[in-house]
């Protein structure tokens, strides 16, 4: 005998298993697990940005969607105060190019990545914003289960 149980929808504290892809507007894939193991998380546990979680509310197992994520819902806007100008001599004989990711020691003995935005023979501008800050994204999801 099969029981006809109501299908659960995604709400706060739901355990969700899904396949997802995060893409730029031009279709470039930033992250995807469609070819691999699905991800499982509990809504509100911090694994998924709140703006992404909110777009999943009310979805059910089997649902698929492509959702536009604005910067405010995703990785935030680019913050001008996260652009730092540093003396070129601080980089020694390192070969610099725009887009190069450089690791810096931070105050908590960790590493903070920064991206070379521009440079000349005297100064280097490093962008410490998240690489996806200020970007409109496409969030493609397929909900596999909701518990």
N, C-alpha and C. Protein backbone atom coordinates (compact mmCIF):
# COMPACT_ATOMS: atom_id res chain seq x y z
N UNK A 1 0.84 -1.18 0.00
CA UNK A 1 0.00 0.00 0.00
C UNK A 1 0.88 1.24 0.00
N UNK A 2 0.59 2.13 -0.87
CA UNK A 2 1.37 3.37 -0.90
C UNK A 2 0.56 4.47 -0.23
N UNK A 3 1.27 5.23 0.55
CA UNK A 3 0.62 6.37 1.19
C UNK A 3 0.72 7.57 0.28
N UNK A 4 -0.30 8.35 0.24
CA UNK A 4 -0.31 9.56 -0.57
C UNK A 4 0.08 10.73 0.33
N UNK A 5 1.39 10.93 0.51
CA UNK A 5 1.85 12.00 1.40
C UNK A 5 1.97 13.29 0.61
N UNK A 6 1.62 14.41 1.23
CA UNK A 6 1.76 15.68 0.52
C UNK A 6 3.23 15.97 0.22
N UNK A 7 3.46 16.58 -0.91
CA UNK A 7 4.82 16.90 -1.30
C UNK A 7 5.29 18.14 -0.52
N UNK A 8 6.48 18.03 0.06
CA UNK A 8 7.01 19.13 0.84
C UNK A 8 7.53 20.24 -0.06
N UNK A 9 7.35 21.47 0.38
CA UNK A 9 7.91 22.61 -0.34
C UNK A 9 9.05 23.18 0.49
N UNK A 10 9.93 23.91 -0.17
CA UNK A 10 11.08 24.49 0.51
C UNK A 10 10.62 25.66 1.38
N UNK A 11 10.91 25.53 2.67
CA UNK A 11 10.63 26.58 3.65
C UNK A 11 11.87 26.69 4.55
N UNK A 12 11.83 27.59 5.53
CA UNK A 12 12.93 27.72 6.48
C UNK A 12 13.20 26.37 7.14
N UNK A 13 14.46 26.04 7.30
CA UNK A 13 14.93 24.82 7.96
C UNK A 13 14.70 23.53 7.16
N UNK A 14 14.20 23.63 5.92
CA UNK A 14 14.04 22.43 5.09
C UNK A 14 15.42 21.93 4.66
N UNK A 15 15.55 20.61 4.55
CA UNK A 15 16.77 20.00 4.02
C UNK A 15 16.53 19.79 2.53
N UNK A 16 17.40 20.39 1.71
CA UNK A 16 17.19 20.41 0.27
C UNK A 16 18.38 19.75 -0.43
N UNK A 17 18.09 18.87 -1.37
CA UNK A 17 19.13 18.29 -2.22
C UNK A 17 18.85 18.76 -3.64
N UNK A 18 19.89 19.31 -4.29
CA UNK A 18 19.68 19.90 -5.60
C UNK A 18 20.93 19.84 -6.46
N UNK A 19 20.69 19.98 -7.75
CA UNK A 19 21.76 20.27 -8.69
C UNK A 19 21.65 21.76 -8.98
N UNK A 20 22.80 22.41 -9.17
CA UNK A 20 22.76 23.85 -9.45
C UNK A 20 23.89 24.24 -10.38
N UNK A 21 23.70 25.38 -11.01
CA UNK A 21 24.77 26.02 -11.78
C UNK A 21 24.64 27.52 -11.56
N UNK A 22 25.77 28.17 -11.40
CA UNK A 22 25.81 29.63 -11.33
C UNK A 22 26.54 30.07 -12.59
N UNK A 23 25.86 30.94 -13.36
CA UNK A 23 26.42 31.38 -14.63
C UNK A 23 26.40 32.90 -14.71
N UNK A 24 27.32 33.45 -15.50
CA UNK A 24 27.28 34.86 -15.83
C UNK A 24 26.19 35.06 -16.88
N UNK A 25 25.82 36.31 -17.10
CA UNK A 25 24.76 36.60 -18.08
C UNK A 25 25.10 36.09 -19.47
N UNK A 26 26.41 36.02 -19.81
CA UNK A 26 26.80 35.56 -21.14
C UNK A 26 26.82 34.03 -21.26
N UNK A 27 26.44 33.34 -20.16
CA UNK A 27 26.38 31.88 -20.18
C UNK A 27 27.60 31.19 -19.62
N UNK A 28 28.67 31.95 -19.32
CA UNK A 28 29.89 31.35 -18.76
C UNK A 28 29.56 30.73 -17.41
N UNK A 29 29.92 29.44 -17.23
CA UNK A 29 29.63 28.72 -16.00
C UNK A 29 30.69 29.06 -14.95
N UNK A 30 30.23 29.56 -13.79
CA UNK A 30 31.13 29.86 -12.68
C UNK A 30 31.27 28.65 -11.79
N UNK A 31 30.16 27.97 -11.52
CA UNK A 31 30.16 26.78 -10.66
C UNK A 31 28.96 25.93 -11.05
N UNK A 32 29.12 24.62 -11.04
CA UNK A 32 28.02 23.73 -11.38
C UNK A 32 28.29 22.35 -10.81
N UNK A 33 27.22 21.67 -10.37
CA UNK A 33 27.37 20.29 -9.95
C UNK A 33 26.43 19.37 -10.74
N UNK A 34 25.92 19.84 -11.87
CA UNK A 34 25.01 19.04 -12.69
C UNK A 34 25.69 17.76 -13.18
N UNK A 35 27.00 17.78 -13.36
CA UNK A 35 27.72 16.60 -13.86
C UNK A 35 28.22 15.73 -12.71
N UNK A 36 28.01 16.17 -11.48
CA UNK A 36 28.56 15.43 -10.34
C UNK A 36 27.52 15.14 -9.28
N UNK A 37 28.00 15.06 -8.06
CA UNK A 37 27.16 14.75 -6.91
C UNK A 37 26.31 15.97 -6.55
N UNK A 38 25.02 15.77 -6.29
CA UNK A 38 24.17 16.90 -5.90
C UNK A 38 24.59 17.47 -4.55
N UNK A 39 24.21 18.70 -4.31
CA UNK A 39 24.50 19.36 -3.03
C UNK A 39 23.29 19.22 -2.12
N UNK A 40 23.57 19.07 -0.82
CA UNK A 40 22.51 19.03 0.18
C UNK A 40 22.82 20.10 1.21
N UNK A 41 21.81 20.88 1.57
CA UNK A 41 21.99 21.91 2.59
C UNK A 41 20.67 22.09 3.32
N UNK A 42 20.74 22.73 4.48
CA UNK A 42 19.54 23.08 5.23
C UNK A 42 19.34 24.58 5.09
N UNK A 43 18.14 24.98 4.68
CA UNK A 43 17.84 26.41 4.50
C UNK A 43 18.19 27.15 5.78
N UNK A 44 19.00 28.19 5.64
CA UNK A 44 19.38 29.01 6.79
C UNK A 44 20.69 28.61 7.45
N UNK A 45 21.36 27.55 6.94
CA UNK A 45 22.60 27.11 7.59
C UNK A 45 23.84 27.88 7.12
N UNK A 46 23.66 28.80 6.17
CA UNK A 46 24.78 29.63 5.74
C UNK A 46 25.58 29.07 4.58
N UNK A 47 25.28 27.85 4.14
CA UNK A 47 26.02 27.27 3.01
C UNK A 47 25.70 27.98 1.70
N UNK A 48 24.47 28.47 1.58
CA UNK A 48 24.02 29.15 0.37
C UNK A 48 23.69 30.58 0.74
N UNK A 49 24.09 31.53 -0.09
CA UNK A 49 23.78 32.93 0.20
C UNK A 49 22.28 33.12 0.36
N UNK A 50 21.90 33.98 1.29
CA UNK A 50 20.48 34.21 1.59
C UNK A 50 19.68 34.59 0.34
N UNK A 51 20.24 35.41 -0.52
CA UNK A 51 19.54 35.82 -1.74
C UNK A 51 19.24 34.65 -2.66
N UNK A 52 20.14 33.65 -2.69
CA UNK A 52 19.90 32.45 -3.49
C UNK A 52 18.83 31.60 -2.82
N UNK A 53 18.92 31.45 -1.48
CA UNK A 53 17.94 30.65 -0.75
C UNK A 53 16.52 31.18 -0.95
N UNK A 54 16.36 32.50 -0.87
CA UNK A 54 15.03 33.09 -0.99
C UNK A 54 14.37 32.73 -2.31
N UNK A 55 15.15 32.58 -3.36
CA UNK A 55 14.58 32.25 -4.67
C UNK A 55 14.03 30.82 -4.72
N UNK A 56 14.47 29.98 -3.79
CA UNK A 56 14.04 28.57 -3.78
C UNK A 56 12.76 28.34 -2.98
N UNK A 57 12.37 29.31 -2.16
CA UNK A 57 11.21 29.13 -1.28
C UNK A 57 9.96 28.77 -2.09
N UNK A 58 9.28 27.75 -1.62
CA UNK A 58 8.04 27.31 -2.27
C UNK A 58 8.25 26.26 -3.36
N UNK A 59 9.52 26.04 -3.76
CA UNK A 59 9.76 25.02 -4.79
C UNK A 59 9.64 23.63 -4.17
N UNK A 60 9.41 22.62 -5.03
CA UNK A 60 9.23 21.25 -4.58
C UNK A 60 10.18 20.33 -5.33
N UNK A 61 10.28 19.11 -4.83
CA UNK A 61 11.08 18.09 -5.49
C UNK A 61 10.62 17.95 -6.94
N UNK A 62 11.58 17.95 -7.86
CA UNK A 62 11.28 17.84 -9.28
C UNK A 62 11.22 19.18 -10.00
N UNK A 63 11.10 20.28 -9.23
CA UNK A 63 11.04 21.60 -9.86
C UNK A 63 12.40 21.97 -10.47
N UNK A 64 12.34 22.66 -11.59
CA UNK A 64 13.54 23.19 -12.25
C UNK A 64 13.29 24.65 -12.57
N UNK A 65 14.34 25.47 -12.50
CA UNK A 65 14.19 26.89 -12.80
C UNK A 65 15.53 27.51 -13.15
N UNK A 66 15.49 28.60 -13.89
CA UNK A 66 16.64 29.46 -14.11
C UNK A 66 16.22 30.82 -13.56
N UNK A 67 16.94 31.28 -12.55
CA UNK A 67 16.54 32.47 -11.80
C UNK A 67 17.60 33.55 -11.97
N UNK A 68 17.14 34.76 -12.28
CA UNK A 68 18.06 35.90 -12.35
C UNK A 68 18.39 36.36 -10.94
N UNK A 69 19.69 36.47 -10.66
CA UNK A 69 20.16 36.94 -9.36
C UNK A 69 20.85 38.29 -9.57
N UNK A 70 20.28 39.33 -8.98
CA UNK A 70 20.90 40.66 -9.05
C UNK A 70 22.05 40.73 -8.05
N UNK A 71 23.00 41.63 -8.25
CA UNK A 71 24.15 41.73 -7.33
C UNK A 71 23.73 41.84 -5.87
N UNK A 72 22.65 42.57 -5.59
CA UNK A 72 22.21 42.75 -4.21
C UNK A 72 21.76 41.44 -3.57
N UNK A 73 21.31 40.48 -4.37
CA UNK A 73 20.88 39.17 -3.88
C UNK A 73 22.06 38.20 -3.82
N UNK A 74 23.10 38.49 -4.59
CA UNK A 74 24.21 37.56 -4.71
C UNK A 74 25.42 37.98 -3.90
N UNK A 75 26.42 38.47 -4.59
CA UNK A 75 27.70 38.76 -3.96
C UNK A 75 27.89 40.25 -3.68
N UNK A 76 26.81 41.02 -3.77
CA UNK A 76 26.86 42.44 -3.43
C UNK A 76 27.41 43.28 -4.56
N UNK A 77 27.34 44.57 -4.34
CA UNK A 77 27.89 45.51 -5.30
C UNK A 77 29.39 45.65 -5.06
N UNK A 78 30.09 46.04 -6.07
CA UNK A 78 31.52 46.32 -5.94
C UNK A 78 31.68 47.55 -5.05
N UNK A 79 32.52 47.44 -4.04
CA UNK A 79 32.71 48.52 -3.07
C UNK A 79 34.02 49.24 -3.39
N UNK A 80 33.95 50.53 -3.72
CA UNK A 80 35.17 51.28 -4.06
C UNK A 80 36.22 51.27 -2.95
N UNK A 81 35.78 51.16 -1.70
CA UNK A 81 36.76 51.15 -0.60
C UNK A 81 37.54 49.84 -0.53
N UNK A 82 37.13 48.84 -1.32
CA UNK A 82 37.87 47.58 -1.38
C UNK A 82 38.94 47.61 -2.48
N UNK A 83 39.12 48.78 -3.10
CA UNK A 83 40.19 48.97 -4.08
C UNK A 83 41.35 49.64 -3.32
N UNK A 84 42.50 49.00 -3.31
CA UNK A 84 43.65 49.53 -2.58
C UNK A 84 44.80 49.82 -3.54
N UNK A 85 45.43 51.00 -3.33
CA UNK A 85 46.61 51.34 -4.12
C UNK A 85 47.83 51.08 -3.26
N UNK A 86 48.75 50.29 -3.79
CA UNK A 86 49.95 49.89 -3.06
C UNK A 86 51.18 50.25 -3.88
N UNK A 87 52.29 50.56 -3.20
CA UNK A 87 53.53 50.86 -3.94
C UNK A 87 53.99 49.66 -4.75
N UNK A 88 54.42 49.91 -6.00
CA UNK A 88 54.89 48.85 -6.90
C UNK A 88 56.05 48.07 -6.27
N UNK A 89 56.91 48.77 -5.51
CA UNK A 89 58.08 48.10 -4.93
C UNK A 89 57.69 47.01 -3.94
N UNK A 90 56.47 47.07 -3.40
CA UNK A 90 55.99 46.06 -2.47
C UNK A 90 55.85 44.69 -3.14
N UNK A 91 55.80 44.67 -4.48
CA UNK A 91 55.62 43.43 -5.22
C UNK A 91 56.93 42.86 -5.75
N UNK A 92 58.05 43.49 -5.37
CA UNK A 92 59.36 43.00 -5.78
C UNK A 92 59.46 42.86 -7.29
N UNK A 93 60.00 41.72 -7.73
CA UNK A 93 60.18 41.50 -9.17
C UNK A 93 59.03 40.67 -9.76
N UNK A 94 57.91 40.58 -9.04
CA UNK A 94 56.75 39.84 -9.53
C UNK A 94 56.29 40.42 -10.87
N UNK A 95 56.00 39.53 -11.82
CA UNK A 95 55.47 39.98 -13.11
C UNK A 95 53.98 40.22 -12.93
N UNK A 96 53.55 41.46 -13.10
CA UNK A 96 52.15 41.81 -12.89
C UNK A 96 51.40 41.88 -14.21
N UNK A 97 50.13 41.53 -14.16
CA UNK A 97 49.23 41.72 -15.29
C UNK A 97 47.83 41.91 -14.75
N UNK A 98 47.01 42.65 -15.47
CA UNK A 98 45.63 42.87 -15.04
C UNK A 98 44.92 41.52 -14.94
N UNK A 99 44.17 41.33 -13.84
CA UNK A 99 43.44 40.09 -13.64
C UNK A 99 44.21 39.07 -12.82
N UNK A 100 45.50 39.31 -12.57
CA UNK A 100 46.32 38.39 -11.77
C UNK A 100 45.81 38.37 -10.34
N UNK A 101 45.60 37.18 -9.76
CA UNK A 101 45.19 37.05 -8.37
C UNK A 101 46.44 36.93 -7.51
N UNK A 102 46.50 37.79 -6.49
CA UNK A 102 47.64 37.82 -5.58
C UNK A 102 47.12 37.58 -4.17
N UNK A 103 47.79 36.73 -3.39
CA UNK A 103 47.37 36.48 -2.01
C UNK A 103 48.14 37.40 -1.07
N UNK A 104 47.40 37.95 -0.12
CA UNK A 104 47.98 38.82 0.90
C UNK A 104 47.66 38.22 2.26
N UNK A 105 48.57 38.37 3.22
CA UNK A 105 48.30 37.94 4.59
C UNK A 105 47.29 38.91 5.19
N UNK A 106 46.30 38.37 5.91
CA UNK A 106 45.35 39.27 6.58
C UNK A 106 45.58 39.23 8.09
N UNK A 107 44.85 40.05 8.82
CA UNK A 107 45.08 40.23 10.25
C UNK A 107 44.85 38.95 11.06
N UNK A 108 44.07 38.01 10.54
CA UNK A 108 43.77 36.79 11.30
C UNK A 108 44.66 35.62 10.89
N UNK A 109 45.86 35.92 10.40
CA UNK A 109 46.82 34.89 9.96
C UNK A 109 46.29 34.03 8.81
N UNK A 110 45.32 34.56 8.08
CA UNK A 110 44.81 33.86 6.91
C UNK A 110 45.32 34.54 5.66
N UNK A 111 44.73 34.17 4.54
CA UNK A 111 45.10 34.80 3.28
C UNK A 111 43.90 35.50 2.70
N UNK A 112 44.15 36.64 2.08
CA UNK A 112 43.11 37.42 1.44
C UNK A 112 43.51 37.60 -0.02
N UNK A 113 42.71 37.03 -0.95
CA UNK A 113 43.06 37.20 -2.35
C UNK A 113 42.64 38.58 -2.86
N UNK A 114 43.46 39.14 -3.72
CA UNK A 114 43.14 40.39 -4.39
C UNK A 114 43.48 40.25 -5.87
N UNK A 115 42.82 41.03 -6.69
CA UNK A 115 43.04 40.96 -8.14
C UNK A 115 43.69 42.26 -8.60
N UNK A 116 44.76 42.14 -9.39
CA UNK A 116 45.42 43.32 -9.94
C UNK A 116 44.45 43.98 -10.92
N UNK A 117 44.04 45.21 -10.60
CA UNK A 117 43.12 45.94 -11.46
C UNK A 117 43.89 46.76 -12.49
N UNK A 118 44.91 47.47 -12.01
CA UNK A 118 45.78 48.25 -12.91
C UNK A 118 47.09 48.51 -12.19
N UNK A 119 48.10 48.89 -12.97
CA UNK A 119 49.41 49.15 -12.36
C UNK A 119 50.25 49.97 -13.32
N UNK A 120 51.24 50.66 -12.73
CA UNK A 120 52.28 51.32 -13.52
C UNK A 120 53.59 51.08 -12.77
N UNK A 121 54.64 51.80 -13.10
CA UNK A 121 55.93 51.52 -12.47
C UNK A 121 56.02 52.04 -11.03
N UNK A 122 55.02 52.79 -10.56
CA UNK A 122 55.03 53.33 -9.20
C UNK A 122 53.97 52.72 -8.28
N UNK A 123 52.76 52.50 -8.81
CA UNK A 123 51.65 52.04 -7.98
C UNK A 123 50.91 50.86 -8.62
N UNK A 124 50.29 50.05 -7.74
CA UNK A 124 49.47 48.91 -8.17
C UNK A 124 48.12 49.04 -7.48
N UNK A 125 47.04 48.95 -8.26
CA UNK A 125 45.68 48.98 -7.68
C UNK A 125 45.19 47.54 -7.60
N UNK A 126 44.85 47.13 -6.36
CA UNK A 126 44.36 45.78 -6.09
C UNK A 126 42.89 45.85 -5.73
N UNK A 127 42.09 44.98 -6.34
CA UNK A 127 40.65 44.90 -6.07
C UNK A 127 40.41 43.74 -5.11
N UNK A 128 39.95 44.07 -3.89
CA UNK A 128 39.66 43.04 -2.89
C UNK A 128 38.17 42.69 -2.84
N UNK A 129 37.37 43.19 -3.79
CA UNK A 129 35.97 42.80 -3.87
C UNK A 129 35.87 41.34 -4.29
N UNK A 130 34.76 40.68 -3.93
CA UNK A 130 34.52 39.32 -4.41
C UNK A 130 34.50 39.38 -5.94
N UNK A 131 35.09 38.39 -6.62
CA UNK A 131 35.12 38.43 -8.10
C UNK A 131 33.73 38.52 -8.75
N UNK A 132 32.68 38.09 -8.05
CA UNK A 132 31.33 38.16 -8.62
C UNK A 132 30.54 39.37 -8.12
N UNK A 133 31.20 40.25 -7.34
CA UNK A 133 30.52 41.46 -6.87
C UNK A 133 30.12 42.32 -8.07
N UNK A 134 28.91 42.86 -8.01
CA UNK A 134 28.42 43.74 -9.07
C UNK A 134 27.93 43.01 -10.31
N UNK A 135 27.94 41.68 -10.30
CA UNK A 135 27.55 40.92 -11.49
C UNK A 135 26.12 40.40 -11.37
N UNK A 136 25.38 40.47 -12.49
CA UNK A 136 24.09 39.80 -12.60
C UNK A 136 24.37 38.35 -12.94
N UNK A 137 23.71 37.43 -12.22
CA UNK A 137 23.98 36.01 -12.40
C UNK A 137 22.71 35.26 -12.79
N UNK A 138 22.91 34.08 -13.37
CA UNK A 138 21.82 33.14 -13.66
C UNK A 138 22.03 31.95 -12.72
N UNK A 139 20.99 31.63 -11.93
CA UNK A 139 21.05 30.53 -10.97
C UNK A 139 20.12 29.44 -11.50
N UNK A 140 20.72 28.38 -12.01
CA UNK A 140 19.95 27.28 -12.58
C UNK A 140 19.85 26.18 -11.54
N UNK A 141 18.63 25.73 -11.23
CA UNK A 141 18.46 24.72 -10.20
C UNK A 141 17.53 23.61 -10.66
N UNK A 142 17.79 22.42 -10.12
CA UNK A 142 16.88 21.29 -10.25
C UNK A 142 16.77 20.70 -8.84
N UNK A 143 15.58 20.79 -8.26
CA UNK A 143 15.37 20.29 -6.90
C UNK A 143 15.16 18.79 -6.96
N UNK A 144 16.02 18.04 -6.24
CA UNK A 144 15.93 16.58 -6.25
C UNK A 144 15.07 16.07 -5.09
N UNK A 145 15.23 16.70 -3.90
CA UNK A 145 14.40 16.28 -2.77
C UNK A 145 14.30 17.41 -1.76
N UNK A 146 13.20 17.38 -1.00
CA UNK A 146 12.95 18.33 0.08
C UNK A 146 12.49 17.51 1.28
N UNK A 147 13.18 17.69 2.41
CA UNK A 147 12.81 16.95 3.64
C UNK A 147 12.49 17.94 4.73
